[in-house]
C-alpha atoms as a PDB file:
ATOM      1  CA  UNK A   1       0.000   0.000   0.000  1.00  0.00           C
ATOM      2  CA  UNK A   2       1.279   3.473  -0.886  1.00  0.00           C
ATOM      3  CA  UNK A   3       2.006   5.737   2.056  1.00  0.00           C
ATOM      4  CA  UNK A   4       0.978   9.410   2.025  1.00  0.00           C
ATOM      5  CA  UNK A   5       4.646  10.322   1.748  1.00  0.00           C
ATOM      6  CA  UNK A   6       5.172   8.091  -1.270  1.00  0.00           C
ATOM      7  CA  UNK A   7       2.053   9.439  -2.944  1.00  0.00           C
ATOM      8  CA  UNK A   8       3.264  12.997  -2.354  1.00  0.00           C
ATOM      9  CA  UNK A   9       6.800  12.264  -3.633  1.00  0.00           C
ATOM     10  CA  UNK A  10       5.618  10.532  -6.793  1.00  0.00           C
ATOM     11  CA  UNK A  11       2.995  13.112  -7.731  1.00  0.00           C
ATOM     12  CA  UNK A  12       5.494  15.912  -7.096  1.00  0.00           C
ATOM     13  CA  UNK A  13       7.339  14.626 -10.173  1.00  0.00           C
ATOM     14  CA  UNK A  14       4.313  15.574 -12.277  1.00  0.00           C
ATOM     15  CA  UNK A  15       5.745  19.120 -12.296  1.00  0.00           C
ATOM     16  CA  UNK A  16       8.867  20.364 -14.083  1.00  0.00           C
ATOM     17  CA  UNK A  17      10.081  22.295 -11.029  1.00  0.00           C
ATOM     18  CA  UNK A  18      10.299  19.157  -8.895  1.00  0.00           C
ATOM     19  CA  UNK A  19      11.709  17.022 -11.702  1.00  0.00           C
ATOM     20  CA  UNK A  20      14.502  19.575 -12.137  1.00  0.00           C
ATOM     21  CA  UNK A  21      15.205  19.804  -8.420  1.00  0.00           C
ATOM     22  CA  UNK A  22      15.257  16.044  -7.871  1.00  0.00           C
ATOM     23  CA  UNK A  23      16.829  15.203 -11.260  1.00  0.00           C
ATOM     24  CA  UNK A  24      14.254  12.425 -11.592  1.00  0.00           C
ATOM     25  CA  UNK A  25      11.448  11.617 -14.042  1.00  0.00           C
ATOM     26  CA  UNK A  26       8.565   9.183 -14.471  1.00  0.00           C
ATOM     27  CA  UNK A  27       8.244   6.239 -16.837  1.00  0.00           C
ATOM     28  CA  UNK A  28       4.924   4.484 -17.415  1.00  0.00           C
ATOM     29  CA  UNK A  29       3.760   1.360 -19.184  1.00  0.00           C
ATOM     30  CA  UNK A  30       5.066  -2.097 -20.019  1.00  0.00           C
ATOM     31  CA  UNK A  31       6.719  -1.147 -23.328  1.00  0.00           C
ATOM     32  CA  UNK A  32       8.595   1.747 -21.705  1.00  0.00           C
ATOM     33  CA  UNK A  33       9.777  -0.524 -18.894  1.00  0.00           C
ATOM     34  CA  UNK A  34      11.147  -3.039 -21.401  1.00  0.00           C
ATOM     35  CA  UNK A  35      13.281  -0.276 -22.914  1.00  0.00           C
ATOM     36  CA  UNK A  36      14.324   0.979 -19.473  1.00  0.00           C
ATOM     37  CA  UNK A  37      15.484  -2.519 -18.536  1.00  0.00           C
ATOM     38  CA  UNK A  38      17.690  -2.594 -21.669  1.00  0.00           C
ATOM     39  CA  UNK A  39      19.271   0.757 -20.838  1.00  0.00           C
ATOM     40  CA  UNK A  40      21.815   1.854 -18.265  1.00  0.00           C
ATOM     41  CA  UNK A  41      19.576   4.585 -16.838  1.00  0.00           C
ATOM     42  CA  UNK A  42      19.421   4.542 -13.059  1.00  0.00           C
ATOM     43  CA  UNK A  43      16.063   3.275 -11.772  1.00  0.00           C
ATOM     44  CA  UNK A  44      15.158   4.508  -8.304  1.00  0.00           C
ATOM     45  CA  UNK A  45      11.906   2.630  -7.716  1.00  0.00           C
ATOM     46  CA  UNK A  46       9.169   0.705  -9.482  1.00  0.00           C
ATOM     47  CA  UNK A  47       5.496   0.631  -8.520  1.00  0.00           C
ATOM     48  CA  UNK A  48       3.543  -2.118 -10.259  1.00  0.00           C
ATOM     49  CA  UNK A  49       0.614  -4.472 -10.119  1.00  0.00           C
ATOM     50  CA  UNK A  50       1.279  -7.982  -8.810  1.00  0.00           C
ATOM     51  CA  UNK A  51       0.939  -9.767 -12.165  1.00  0.00           C
ATOM     52  CA  UNK A  52       3.536  -7.460 -13.763  1.00  0.00           C
ATOM     53  CA  UNK A  53       5.940  -8.010 -10.867  1.00  0.00           C
ATOM     54  CA  UNK A  54       5.635 -11.802 -11.158  1.00  0.00           C
ATOM     55  CA  UNK A  55       6.275 -11.621 -14.907  1.00  0.00           C
ATOM     56  CA  UNK A  56       9.351  -9.385 -14.500  1.00  0.00           C
ATOM     57  CA  UNK A  57      10.780 -10.714 -11.247  1.00  0.00           C
ATOM     58  CA  UNK A  58      13.990 -11.949 -12.868  1.00  0.00           C
ATOM     59  CA  UNK A  59      14.702  -8.602 -14.556  1.00  0.00           C
ATOM     60  CA  UNK A  60      14.061  -6.671 -11.354  1.00  0.00           C
ATOM     61  CA  UNK A  61      16.362  -8.991  -9.427  1.00  0.00           C
ATOM     62  CA  UNK A  62      19.115  -8.921 -12.033  1.00  0.00           C
ATOM     63  CA  UNK A  63      19.198  -5.115 -12.021  1.00  0.00           C
ATOM     64  CA  UNK A  64      18.561  -4.899  -8.259  1.00  0.00           C
ATOM     65  CA  UNK A  65      15.635  -2.520  -8.711  1.00  0.00           C
ATOM     66  CA  UNK A  66      13.392  -2.036  -5.671  1.00  0.00           C
ATOM     67  CA  UNK A  67       9.744  -2.671  -6.488  1.00  0.00           C
ATOM     68  CA  UNK A  68       6.529  -2.111  -4.567  1.00  0.00           C
ATOM     69  CA  UNK A  69       3.188  -3.717  -5.392  1.00  0.00           C
ATOM     70  CA  UNK A  70       0.298  -1.299  -5.955  1.00  0.00           C
ATOM     71  CA  UNK A  71      -3.360  -1.751  -6.759  1.00  0.00           C
ATOM     72  CA  UNK A  72      -5.020  -0.494  -9.933  1.00  0.00           C
ATOM     73  CA  UNK A  73      -6.660   2.272  -7.889  1.00  0.00           C
ATOM     74  CA  UNK A  74      -3.302   3.369  -6.443  1.00  0.00           C
ATOM     75  CA  UNK A  75      -1.716   3.354  -9.884  1.00  0.00           C
ATOM     76  CA  UNK A  76      -4.426   5.719 -11.120  1.00  0.00           C
ATOM     77  CA  UNK A  77      -3.571   8.155  -8.324  1.00  0.00           C
ATOM     78  CA  UNK A  78       0.098   8.413  -9.326  1.00  0.00           C
ATOM     79  CA  UNK A  79      -0.228   8.051 -13.104  1.00  0.00           C
ATOM     80  CA  UNK A  80      -0.422  10.813 -15.700  1.00  0.00           C
ATOM     81  CA  UNK A  81      -1.957   8.494 -18.299  1.00  0.00           C
ATOM     82  CA  UNK A  82      -5.684   8.476 -18.943  1.00  0.00           C
ATOM     83  CA  UNK A  83      -5.513   4.672 -18.802  1.00  0.00           C
ATOM     84  CA  UNK A  84      -2.622   3.603 -16.499  1.00  0.00           C
ATOM     85  CA  UNK A  85      -0.782   0.511 -17.681  1.00  0.00           C
ATOM     86  CA  UNK A  86       0.383  -1.886 -14.939  1.00  0.00           C
ATOM     87  CA  UNK A  87       3.621  -0.148 -13.971  1.00  0.00           C
ATOM     88  CA  UNK A  88       5.223   3.213 -13.156  1.00  0.00           C
ATOM     89  CA  UNK A  89       8.907   3.822 -12.424  1.00  0.00           C
ATOM     90  CA  UNK A  90      11.037   6.672 -11.124  1.00  0.00           C
ATOM     91  CA  UNK A  91      14.356   7.042 -12.938  1.00  0.00           C
ATOM     92  CA  UNK A  92      17.335   9.384 -12.812  1.00  0.00           C
ATOM     93  CA  UNK A  93      17.707  12.071 -15.439  1.00  0.00           C
ATOM     94  CA  UNK A  94      20.763  12.187 -17.655  1.00  0.00           C
ATOM     95  CA  UNK A  95      22.464  15.360 -18.910  1.00  0.00           C
ATOM     96  CA  UNK A  96      24.752  14.527 -21.810  1.00  0.00           C
ATOM     97  CA  UNK A  97      27.270  16.888 -23.373  1.00  0.00           C
ATOM     98  CA  UNK A  98      27.507  17.477 -27.105  1.00  0.00           C
ATOM     99  CA  UNK A  99      30.141  15.350 -28.802  1.00  0.00           C
ATOM    100  CA  UNK A 100      31.051  16.615 -32.278  1.00  0.00           C
ATOM    101  CA  UNK A 101      33.516  13.820 -32.965  1.00  0.00           C
ATOM    102  CA  UNK A 102      31.302  12.158 -35.601  1.00  0.00           C
ATOM    103  CA  UNK A 103      29.715  15.247 -37.151  1.00  0.00           C
ATOM    104  CA  UNK A 104      32.035  14.908 -40.152  1.00  0.00           C
ATOM    105  CA  UNK A 105      30.656  11.462 -40.979  1.00  0.00           C
ATOM    106  CA  UNK A 106      27.131  11.519 -39.531  1.00  0.00           C
ATOM    107  CA  UNK A 107      24.103  13.794 -39.457  1.00  0.00           C
ATOM    108  CA  UNK A 108      23.157  15.327 -36.112  1.00  0.00           C
ATOM    109  CA  UNK A 109      19.797  16.929 -35.370  1.00  0.00           C
ATOM    110  CA  UNK A 110      19.477  20.378 -33.811  1.00  0.00           C
ATOM    111  CA  UNK A 111      15.993  21.264 -32.533  1.00  0.00           C
ATOM    112  CA  UNK A 112      15.399  25.010 -32.479  1.00  0.00           C
ATOM    113  CA  UNK A 113      12.679  25.911 -29.935  1.00  0.00           C
ATOM    114  CA  UNK A 114      10.538  22.818 -30.505  1.00  0.00           C
ATOM    115  CA  UNK A 115       7.727  23.385 -28.005  1.00  0.00           C
ATOM    116  CA  UNK A 116       5.232  20.604 -28.623  1.00  0.00           C
ATOM    117  CA  UNK A 117       5.960  17.545 -26.413  1.00  0.00           C
ATOM    118  CA  UNK A 118       4.526  15.143 -28.986  1.00  0.00           C
ATOM    119  CA  UNK A 119       6.753  16.545 -31.724  1.00  0.00           C
ATOM    120  CA  UNK A 120       9.824  16.403 -29.510  1.00  0.00           C
ATOM    121  CA  UNK A 121       9.204  12.810 -28.474  1.00  0.00           C
ATOM    122  CA  UNK A 122       8.421  11.713 -32.013  1.00  0.00           C
ATOM    123  CA  UNK A 123      11.583  13.357 -33.365  1.00  0.00           C
ATOM    124  CA  UNK A 124      13.709  11.496 -30.797  1.00  0.00           C
ATOM    125  CA  UNK A 125      11.988   8.278 -31.852  1.00  0.00           C
ATOM    126  CA  UNK A 126      12.673   9.099 -35.524  1.00  0.00           C
ATOM    127  CA  UNK A 127      16.332   9.771 -34.742  1.00  0.00           C
ATOM    128  CA  UNK A 128      16.562   6.308 -33.188  1.00  0.00           C
ATOM    129  CA  UNK A 129      14.840   4.700 -36.198  1.00  0.00           C
ATOM    130  CA  UNK A 130      17.016   6.413 -38.809  1.00  0.00           C
ATOM    131  CA  UNK A 131      20.324   5.930 -37.003  1.00  0.00           C
ATOM    132  CA  UNK A 132      20.984   9.471 -35.772  1.00  0.00           C
ATOM    133  CA  UNK A 133      23.196   9.128 -32.724  1.00  0.00           C
ATOM    134  CA  UNK A 134      22.788  12.622 -31.299  1.00  0.00           C
ATOM    135  CA  UNK A 135      19.933  15.095 -30.898  1.00  0.00           C
ATOM    136  CA  UNK A 136      20.812  18.595 -29.680  1.00  0.00           C
ATOM    137  CA  UNK A 137      18.109  20.847 -28.232  1.00  0.00           C
ATOM    138  CA  UNK A 138      18.152  24.613 -27.922  1.00  0.00           C
ATOM    139  CA  UNK A 139      17.638  25.876 -24.341  1.00  0.00           C
ATOM    140  CA  UNK A 140      14.106  27.029 -25.219  1.00  0.00           C
ATOM    141  CA  UNK A 141      12.868  23.605 -26.354  1.00  0.00           C
ATOM    142  CA  UNK A 142      10.223  21.806 -24.324  1.00  0.00           C
ATOM    143  CA  UNK A 143      11.678  19.941 -21.334  1.00  0.00           C
ATOM    144  CA  UNK A 144      13.152  16.581 -22.344  1.00  0.00           C
ATOM    145  CA  UNK A 145      11.699  14.819 -19.284  1.00  0.00           C
ATOM    146  CA  UNK A 146       8.197  16.213 -19.686  1.00  0.00           C
ATOM    147  CA  UNK A 147       6.009  13.060 -19.324  1.00  0.00           C
ATOM    148  CA  UNK A 148       4.400  13.625 -22.737  1.00  0.00           C
ATOM    149  CA  UNK A 149       7.842  13.846 -24.362  1.00  0.00           C
ATOM    150  CA  UNK A 150       9.029  10.695 -22.585  1.00  0.00           C
ATOM    151  CA  UNK A 151       5.901   8.755 -23.558  1.00  0.00           C
ATOM    152  CA  UNK A 152       6.053   9.932 -27.193  1.00  0.00           C
ATOM    153  CA  UNK A 153       9.591   8.570 -27.595  1.00  0.00           C
ATOM    154  CA  UNK A 154       8.231   5.037 -26.984  1.00  0.00           C
ATOM    155  CA  UNK A 155      11.489   4.167 -25.233  1.00  0.00           C
ATOM    156  CA  UNK A 156      13.923   5.781 -27.686  1.00  0.00           C
ATOM    157  CA  UNK A 157      14.853   8.324 -25.003  1.00  0.00           C
ATOM    158  CA  UNK A 158      16.934   5.531 -23.455  1.00  0.00           C
ATOM    159  CA  UNK A 159      18.937   4.910 -26.649  1.00  0.00           C
ATOM    160  CA  UNK A 160      19.659   8.372 -28.079  1.00  0.00           C
ATOM    161  CA  UNK A 161      22.115  10.932 -26.739  1.00  0.00           C
ATOM    162  CA  UNK A 162      20.041  14.065 -26.189  1.00  0.00           C
ATOM    163  CA  UNK A 163      21.927  17.223 -25.210  1.00  0.00           C
ATOM    164  CA  UNK A 164      21.246  20.917 -24.785  1.00  0.00           C
ATOM    165  CA  UNK A 165      23.378  23.626 -26.391  1.00  0.00           C
ATOM    166  CA  UNK A 166      23.294  27.015 -28.064  1.00  0.00           C
ATOM    167  CA  UNK A 167      23.875  26.516 -31.799  1.00  0.00           C
ATOM    168  CA  UNK A 168      26.422  29.332 -32.065  1.00  0.00           C
ATOM    169  CA  UNK A 169      28.550  27.622 -29.409  1.00  0.00           C
ATOM    170  CA  UNK A 170      28.923  24.577 -31.665  1.00  0.00           C
ATOM    171  CA  UNK A 171      29.974  26.437 -34.773  1.00  0.00           C
ATOM    172  CA  UNK A 172      33.059  28.415 -35.649  1.00  0.00           C
ATOM    173  CA  UNK A 173      34.888  29.368 -38.841  1.00  0.00           C
ATOM    174  CA  UNK A 174      37.041  26.264 -38.395  1.00  0.00           C
ATOM    175  CA  UNK A 175      34.321  23.654 -37.971  1.00  0.00           C
ATOM    176  CA  UNK A 176      34.152  22.752 -41.645  1.00  0.00           C
ATOM    177  CA  UNK A 177      30.870  20.823 -41.509  1.00  0.00           C
ATOM    178  CA  UNK A 178      27.626  21.950 -43.184  1.00  0.00           C
ATOM    179  CA  UNK A 179      24.738  23.297 -41.128  1.00  0.00           C
ATOM    180  CA  UNK A 180      21.516  22.498 -42.978  1.00  0.00           C
ATOM    181  CA  UNK A 181      18.421  24.536 -42.215  1.00  0.00           C
ATOM    182  CA  UNK A 182      14.930  23.244 -42.982  1.00  0.00           C
ATOM    183  CA  UNK A 183      13.473  26.340 -44.705  1.00  0.00           C
ATOM    184  CA  UNK A 184      10.700  26.907 -47.240  1.00  0.00           C
ATOM    185  CA  UNK A 185      13.052  28.911 -49.488  1.00  0.00           C
ATOM    186  CA  UNK A 186      15.764  26.237 -49.440  1.00  0.00           C
ATOM    187  CA  UNK A 187      17.184  23.999 -52.161  1.00  0.00           C
ATOM    188  CA  UNK A 188      15.492  20.742 -53.035  1.00  0.00           C
ATOM    189  CA  UNK A 189      16.858  18.197 -50.530  1.00  0.00           C
ATOM    190  CA  UNK A 190      16.880  15.470 -53.190  1.00  0.00           C
ATOM    191  CA  UNK A 191      19.456  17.411 -55.152  1.00  0.00           C
ATOM    192  CA  UNK A 192      21.840  18.160 -52.259  1.00  0.00           C
ATOM    193  CA  UNK A 193      24.884  15.958 -52.815  1.00  0.00           C
ATOM    194  CA  UNK A 194      26.469  16.883 -49.487  1.00  0.00           C
ATOM    195  CA  UNK A 195      23.469  15.845 -47.364  1.00  0.00           C
ATOM    196  CA  UNK A 196      25.418  13.001 -45.742  1.00  0.00           C
ATOM    197  CA  UNK A 197      26.871  14.617 -42.614  1.00  0.00           C
ATOM    198  CA  UNK A 198      26.735  17.788 -40.558  1.00  0.00           C
ATOM    199  CA  UNK A 199      23.916  19.293 -38.500  1.00  0.00           C
ATOM    200  CA  UNK A 200      20.285  19.536 -39.611  1.00  0.00           C
ATOM    201  CA  UNK A 201      18.374  22.343 -37.883  1.00  0.00           C
ATOM    202  CA  UNK A 202      14.624  21.843 -37.443  1.00  0.00           C
ATOM    203  CA  UNK A 203      12.776  25.030 -36.516  1.00  0.00           C
ATOM    204  CA  UNK A 204       9.884  25.901 -34.240  1.00  0.00           C
ATOM    205  CA  UNK A 205       6.425  24.619 -35.210  1.00  0.00           C
ATOM    206  CA  UNK A 206       5.015  28.120 -35.771  1.00  0.00           C
ATOM    207  CA  UNK A 207       7.971  30.388 -36.499  1.00  0.00           C
ATOM    208  CA  UNK A 208      10.566  28.143 -38.112  1.00  0.00           C
ATOM    209  CA  UNK A 209      14.271  28.621 -37.442  1.00  0.00           C
ATOM    210  CA  UNK A 210      14.913  31.533 -35.080  1.00  0.00           C
ATOM    211  CA  UNK A 211      16.363  34.803 -36.368  1.00  0.00           C
ATOM    212  CA  UNK A 212      19.511  34.409 -34.269  1.00  0.00           C
ATOM    213  CA  UNK A 213      20.247  31.004 -35.849  1.00  0.00           C
ATOM    214  CA  UNK A 214      19.541  31.877 -39.488  1.00  0.00           C
ATOM    215  CA  UNK A 215      23.023  33.409 -40.066  1.00  0.00           C
ATOM    216  CA  UNK A 216      24.564  30.116 -38.885  1.00  0.00           C
ATOM    217  CA  UNK A 217      22.868  28.099 -41.638  1.00  0.00           C
ATOM    218  CA  UNK A 218      25.270  27.216 -44.451  1.00  0.00           C
ATOM    219  CA  UNK A 219      22.824  25.188 -46.579  1.00  0.00           C
ATOM    220  CA  UNK A 220      19.101  25.996 -46.799  1.00  0.00           C
ATOM    221  CA  UNK A 221      17.113  22.892 -47.714  1.00  0.00           C
ATOM    222  CA  UNK A 222      13.462  22.056 -48.276  1.00  0.00           C
ATOM    223  CA  UNK A 223      11.174  19.154 -49.070  1.00  0.00           C
ATOM    224  CA  UNK A 224       9.624  19.954 -52.457  1.00  0.00           C
ATOM    225  CA  UNK A 225       5.810  19.739 -52.680  1.00  0.00           C
ATOM    226  CA  UNK A 226       4.173  17.634 -55.355  1.00  0.00           C
ATOM    227  CA  UNK A 227       2.273  20.554 -56.899  1.00  0.00           C
ATOM    228  CA  UNK A 228       1.656  24.288 -56.581  1.00  0.00           C
ATOM    229  CA  UNK A 229      -1.607  23.726 -54.735  1.00  0.00           C
ATOM    230  CA  UNK A 230       0.047  22.267 -51.619  1.00  0.00           C
ATOM    231  CA  UNK A 231      -0.288  22.522 -47.839  1.00  0.00           C
ATOM    232  CA  UNK A 232       1.270  25.587 -46.251  1.00  0.00           C
ATOM    233  CA  UNK A 233       3.895  23.548 -44.390  1.00  0.00           C
ATOM    234  CA  UNK A 234       4.686  20.199 -42.795  1.00  0.00           C
ATOM    235  CA  UNK A 235       4.554  19.329 -39.118  1.00  0.00           C
ATOM    236  CA  UNK A 236       8.073  19.486 -37.585  1.00  0.00           C
ATOM    237  CA  UNK A 237       8.167  15.751 -36.875  1.00  0.00           C
ATOM    238  CA  UNK A 238       6.798  14.865 -40.342  1.00  0.00           C
ATOM    239  CA  UNK A 239       9.428  17.037 -42.029  1.00  0.00           C
ATOM    240  CA  UNK A 240      12.158  15.472 -39.883  1.00  0.00           C
ATOM    241  CA  UNK A 241      11.048  12.002 -40.972  1.00  0.00           C
ATOM    242  CA  UNK A 242      11.347  12.928 -44.666  1.00  0.00           C
ATOM    243  CA  UNK A 243      14.768  14.537 -44.230  1.00  0.00           C
ATOM    244  CA  UNK A 244      16.105  11.589 -42.232  1.00  0.00           C
ATOM    245  CA  UNK A 245      14.731   9.081 -44.712  1.00  0.00           C
ATOM    246  CA  UNK A 246      16.674  10.816 -47.485  1.00  0.00           C
ATOM    247  CA  UNK A 247      19.782  10.941 -45.269  1.00  0.00           C
ATOM    248  CA  UNK A 248      19.585   7.190 -44.606  1.00  0.00           C
ATOM    249  CA  UNK A 249      19.025   6.435 -48.312  1.00  0.00           C
ATOM    250  CA  UNK A 250      22.234   8.282 -49.166  1.00  0.00           C
ATOM    251  CA  UNK A 251      24.216   6.603 -46.395  1.00  0.00           C
ATOM    252  CA  UNK A 252      23.184   3.186 -47.623  1.00  0.00           C
END
């Protein structure tokens, strides 16, 4: 049975302020727990229904993760999901630093003020699918450990290096790698021979790439529409998927 203290501590992590202070975040659902088990993220505590605990007893023991049985009613009290799914865990946050060692041979993603949690999570998932090893977020992106971001990654948050940095701090006259900007006035991406490594900047859902970052773009690129009578723009995550698909095609 959950104590009042436990209930208070878990629900406090529903807010960004407490997640930042404690450097912890919440994970929910069986699929997410499978990915957490495969990762080296620190797991503080698991709260789960008895049938899930029995099924995963070996994994919990192998990783020495403390686990407390909870009822379905208790799980609803601590969950942020509309339909809680068997298990909730508290894990330690991770703050990675940008590593530019492979930027000359790989494509990195830079997210410029992405504010929608679903877009952010989906982009991290896309990066995992298309083999992007590093996602860099501007300081004004939505919080990485926002529960909606975490859930939208479907576990990819445990496999991708996600860092925070100011774009200008990563670039100098001596860097030598291209900085691609997803812009409506860019060149057709399918004709860009050098789209095999560097940094791809994806802009804000409403405003695109920020004014301060536009001068840092060396190569403006776009996804060409099929006809003149086309949609005004693509969703940030949808556009990222198209760009990364073309990147992977070239790499292969």
